[in-house]
């Protein structure tokens, strides 16, 4: 049995859509961000985050080259950086939504995103 995941629900205050363009962001680690780093950020339109990821990764690669570190250490540094991005990625999405005027309206839970959306709209019928 899969464990329930928590999501935060974000709504645009003055949207024309019936569901007000609800966006649900999962709490916790993002495997997609861990695996695809800047591509994940570009997919979510986090332009500055994608730029920052590329710059930091380039600086790390340069440091590894200048310090003549062995491949194992290089791999550990790369994995460590990817882990940091994976743990912070969903918080970056929440911050971007907040900056663009979206309002966090509560929490939802479910085994997957669809179940969490159903849970949230069932508990908040006034959002429709």
C-alpha atoms as a PDB file:
ATOM      1  CA  UNK A   1       0.000   0.000   0.000  1.00  0.00           C
ATOM      2  CA  UNK A   2       1.386   3.386  -0.983  1.00  0.00           C
ATOM      3  CA  UNK A   3       1.687   6.099   1.600  1.00  0.00           C
ATOM      4  CA  UNK A   4      -0.358   9.287   1.248  1.00  0.00           C
ATOM      5  CA  UNK A   5       1.516  12.369   0.060  1.00  0.00           C
ATOM      6  CA  UNK A   6       0.796  15.924   1.135  1.00  0.00           C
ATOM      7  CA  UNK A   7       0.276  18.774  -1.301  1.00  0.00           C
ATOM      8  CA  UNK A   8      -0.261  22.494  -0.833  1.00  0.00           C
ATOM      9  CA  UNK A   9      -3.136  23.993  -2.819  1.00  0.00           C
ATOM     10  CA  UNK A  10      -2.572  27.368  -4.505  1.00  0.00           C
ATOM     11  CA  UNK A  11      -5.278  29.461  -6.176  1.00  0.00           C
ATOM     12  CA  UNK A  12      -5.253  32.606  -8.275  1.00  0.00           C
ATOM     13  CA  UNK A  13      -7.424  35.125  -6.415  1.00  0.00           C
ATOM     14  CA  UNK A  14      -9.176  36.612  -9.447  1.00  0.00           C
ATOM     15  CA  UNK A  15      -9.145  33.832 -12.030  1.00  0.00           C
ATOM     16  CA  UNK A  16     -11.982  33.309 -14.516  1.00  0.00           C
ATOM     17  CA  UNK A  17     -11.704  29.509 -14.442  1.00  0.00           C
ATOM     18  CA  UNK A  18     -14.215  27.584 -12.391  1.00  0.00           C
ATOM     19  CA  UNK A  19     -11.444  25.930 -10.374  1.00  0.00           C
ATOM     20  CA  UNK A  20      -9.476  29.216 -10.311  1.00  0.00           C
ATOM     21  CA  UNK A  21      -6.500  27.510 -11.921  1.00  0.00           C
ATOM     22  CA  UNK A  22      -5.633  25.508  -8.833  1.00  0.00           C
ATOM     23  CA  UNK A  23      -2.039  24.301  -8.596  1.00  0.00           C
ATOM     24  CA  UNK A  24      -0.998  21.572  -6.175  1.00  0.00           C
ATOM     25  CA  UNK A  25       2.650  21.356  -5.106  1.00  0.00           C
ATOM     26  CA  UNK A  26       3.891  18.209  -3.367  1.00  0.00           C
ATOM     27  CA  UNK A  27       5.649  18.506  -0.023  1.00  0.00           C
ATOM     28  CA  UNK A  28       9.035  16.891   0.216  1.00  0.00           C
ATOM     29  CA  UNK A  29      11.665  15.639  -2.170  1.00  0.00           C
ATOM     30  CA  UNK A  30      11.287  16.074  -5.948  1.00  0.00           C
ATOM     31  CA  UNK A  31      12.754  13.129  -7.836  1.00  0.00           C
ATOM     32  CA  UNK A  32      12.244  14.913 -11.148  1.00  0.00           C
ATOM     33  CA  UNK A  33      14.260  17.923  -9.980  1.00  0.00           C
ATOM     34  CA  UNK A  34      16.969  15.595  -8.624  1.00  0.00           C
ATOM     35  CA  UNK A  35      17.246  13.742 -11.931  1.00  0.00           C
ATOM     36  CA  UNK A  36      16.771  16.557 -14.449  1.00  0.00           C
ATOM     37  CA  UNK A  37      18.019  19.666 -12.560  1.00  0.00           C
ATOM     38  CA  UNK A  38      17.711  22.657 -14.973  1.00  0.00           C
ATOM     39  CA  UNK A  39      15.216  20.898 -17.267  1.00  0.00           C
ATOM     40  CA  UNK A  40      12.843  20.507 -14.318  1.00  0.00           C
ATOM     41  CA  UNK A  41      13.185  24.226 -13.539  1.00  0.00           C
ATOM     42  CA  UNK A  42      12.571  25.198 -17.174  1.00  0.00           C
ATOM     43  CA  UNK A  43       9.504  22.923 -17.336  1.00  0.00           C
ATOM     44  CA  UNK A  44       8.037  24.778 -14.342  1.00  0.00           C
ATOM     45  CA  UNK A  45       9.031  28.167 -15.804  1.00  0.00           C
ATOM     46  CA  UNK A  46      11.485  28.862 -13.003  1.00  0.00           C
ATOM     47  CA  UNK A  47      13.892  30.742 -15.274  1.00  0.00           C
ATOM     48  CA  UNK A  48      16.135  32.158 -12.546  1.00  0.00           C
ATOM     49  CA  UNK A  49      16.332  28.822 -10.779  1.00  0.00           C
ATOM     50  CA  UNK A  50      17.372  27.120 -14.031  1.00  0.00           C
ATOM     51  CA  UNK A  51      19.982  29.807 -14.628  1.00  0.00           C
ATOM     52  CA  UNK A  52      21.257  29.462 -11.056  1.00  0.00           C
ATOM     53  CA  UNK A  53      21.464  25.678 -11.332  1.00  0.00           C
ATOM     54  CA  UNK A  54      23.521  25.925 -14.524  1.00  0.00           C
ATOM     55  CA  UNK A  55      25.843  28.562 -13.018  1.00  0.00           C
ATOM     56  CA  UNK A  56      26.395  26.630  -9.779  1.00  0.00           C
ATOM     57  CA  UNK A  57      26.945  23.386 -11.672  1.00  0.00           C
ATOM     58  CA  UNK A  58      29.478  25.112 -13.962  1.00  0.00           C
ATOM     59  CA  UNK A  59      31.281  26.576 -10.937  1.00  0.00           C
ATOM     60  CA  UNK A  60      31.394  23.155  -9.281  1.00  0.00           C
ATOM     61  CA  UNK A  61      32.765  21.590 -12.465  1.00  0.00           C
ATOM     62  CA  UNK A  62      35.392  24.325 -12.703  1.00  0.00           C
ATOM     63  CA  UNK A  63      36.379  23.835  -9.044  1.00  0.00           C
ATOM     64  CA  UNK A  64      36.695  20.084  -9.559  1.00  0.00           C
ATOM     65  CA  UNK A  65      38.922  20.706 -12.589  1.00  0.00           C
ATOM     66  CA  UNK A  66      41.085  23.361 -10.915  1.00  0.00           C
ATOM     67  CA  UNK A  67      41.524  21.286  -7.748  1.00  0.00           C
ATOM     68  CA  UNK A  68      42.234  18.128  -9.775  1.00  0.00           C
ATOM     69  CA  UNK A  69      39.755  16.086  -7.764  1.00  0.00           C
ATOM     70  CA  UNK A  70      39.298  12.411  -8.513  1.00  0.00           C
ATOM     71  CA  UNK A  71      36.196  11.164 -10.400  1.00  0.00           C
ATOM     72  CA  UNK A  72      34.671   9.681  -7.245  1.00  0.00           C
ATOM     73  CA  UNK A  73      34.770  13.045  -5.455  1.00  0.00           C
ATOM     74  CA  UNK A  74      33.430  14.728  -8.589  1.00  0.00           C
ATOM     75  CA  UNK A  75      30.494  12.311  -8.611  1.00  0.00           C
ATOM     76  CA  UNK A  76      29.834  12.876  -4.890  1.00  0.00           C
ATOM     77  CA  UNK A  77      29.783  16.646  -5.411  1.00  0.00           C
ATOM     78  CA  UNK A  78      27.387  16.282  -8.344  1.00  0.00           C
ATOM     79  CA  UNK A  79      25.065  13.974  -6.427  1.00  0.00           C
ATOM     80  CA  UNK A  80      25.201  16.249  -3.384  1.00  0.00           C
ATOM     81  CA  UNK A  81      24.219  19.255  -5.480  1.00  0.00           C
ATOM     82  CA  UNK A  82      21.395  17.282  -7.122  1.00  0.00           C
ATOM     83  CA  UNK A  83      20.150  16.241  -3.662  1.00  0.00           C
ATOM     84  CA  UNK A  84      20.054  19.867  -2.530  1.00  0.00           C
ATOM     85  CA  UNK A  85      18.062  20.813  -5.630  1.00  0.00           C
ATOM     86  CA  UNK A  86      15.702  17.852  -5.090  1.00  0.00           C
ATOM     87  CA  UNK A  87      14.992  18.872  -1.499  1.00  0.00           C
ATOM     88  CA  UNK A  88      14.503  22.586  -2.316  1.00  0.00           C
ATOM     89  CA  UNK A  89      12.705  22.356  -5.662  1.00  0.00           C
ATOM     90  CA  UNK A  90       9.096  22.290  -4.462  1.00  0.00           C
ATOM     91  CA  UNK A  91       9.773  25.185  -2.100  1.00  0.00           C
ATOM     92  CA  UNK A  92      11.089  27.155  -5.095  1.00  0.00           C
ATOM     93  CA  UNK A  93       7.796  26.430  -6.886  1.00  0.00           C
ATOM     94  CA  UNK A  94       5.787  27.657  -3.890  1.00  0.00           C
ATOM     95  CA  UNK A  95       7.873  30.836  -3.650  1.00  0.00           C
ATOM     96  CA  UNK A  96       7.395  31.499  -7.369  1.00  0.00           C
ATOM     97  CA  UNK A  97       3.637  31.044  -7.120  1.00  0.00           C
ATOM     98  CA  UNK A  98       3.516  33.389  -4.125  1.00  0.00           C
ATOM     99  CA  UNK A  99       5.609  36.000  -5.967  1.00  0.00           C
ATOM    100  CA  UNK A 100       3.189  35.851  -8.924  1.00  0.00           C
ATOM    101  CA  UNK A 101       0.170  36.497  -6.699  1.00  0.00           C
ATOM    102  CA  UNK A 102      -1.120  32.984  -6.101  1.00  0.00           C
ATOM    103  CA  UNK A 103      -2.519  32.322  -2.647  1.00  0.00           C
ATOM    104  CA  UNK A 104      -1.938  29.159  -0.660  1.00  0.00           C
ATOM    105  CA  UNK A 105      -5.353  27.937   0.459  1.00  0.00           C
ATOM    106  CA  UNK A 106      -4.627  24.754   2.336  1.00  0.00           C
ATOM    107  CA  UNK A 107      -3.345  21.204   2.317  1.00  0.00           C
ATOM    108  CA  UNK A 108      -4.516  18.118   0.485  1.00  0.00           C
ATOM    109  CA  UNK A 109      -3.410  14.525   0.747  1.00  0.00           C
ATOM    110  CA  UNK A 110      -3.651  11.448  -1.398  1.00  0.00           C
ATOM    111  CA  UNK A 111      -1.671   8.589  -2.867  1.00  0.00           C
ATOM    112  CA  UNK A 112      -1.129  10.684  -6.002  1.00  0.00           C
ATOM    113  CA  UNK A 113      -1.908  14.144  -7.357  1.00  0.00           C
ATOM    114  CA  UNK A 114      -5.359  13.205  -8.712  1.00  0.00           C
ATOM    115  CA  UNK A 115      -6.474  11.798  -5.381  1.00  0.00           C
ATOM    116  CA  UNK A 116      -5.149  14.864  -3.548  1.00  0.00           C
ATOM    117  CA  UNK A 117      -7.060  17.187  -5.895  1.00  0.00           C
ATOM    118  CA  UNK A 118     -10.265  15.221  -5.329  1.00  0.00           C
ATOM    119  CA  UNK A 119      -9.684  15.354  -1.585  1.00  0.00           C
ATOM    120  CA  UNK A 120      -9.147  19.113  -1.612  1.00  0.00           C
ATOM    121  CA  UNK A 121     -12.120  20.007  -3.824  1.00  0.00           C
ATOM    122  CA  UNK A 122     -14.363  17.648  -1.835  1.00  0.00           C
ATOM    123  CA  UNK A 123     -13.410  19.496   1.365  1.00  0.00           C
ATOM    124  CA  UNK A 124     -13.532  22.970  -0.246  1.00  0.00           C
ATOM    125  CA  UNK A 125     -16.603  23.075  -2.522  1.00  0.00           C
ATOM    126  CA  UNK A 126     -16.619  26.878  -2.396  1.00  0.00           C
ATOM    127  CA  UNK A 127     -13.392  26.879  -4.435  1.00  0.00           C
ATOM    128  CA  UNK A 128     -15.374  25.671  -7.443  1.00  0.00           C
END
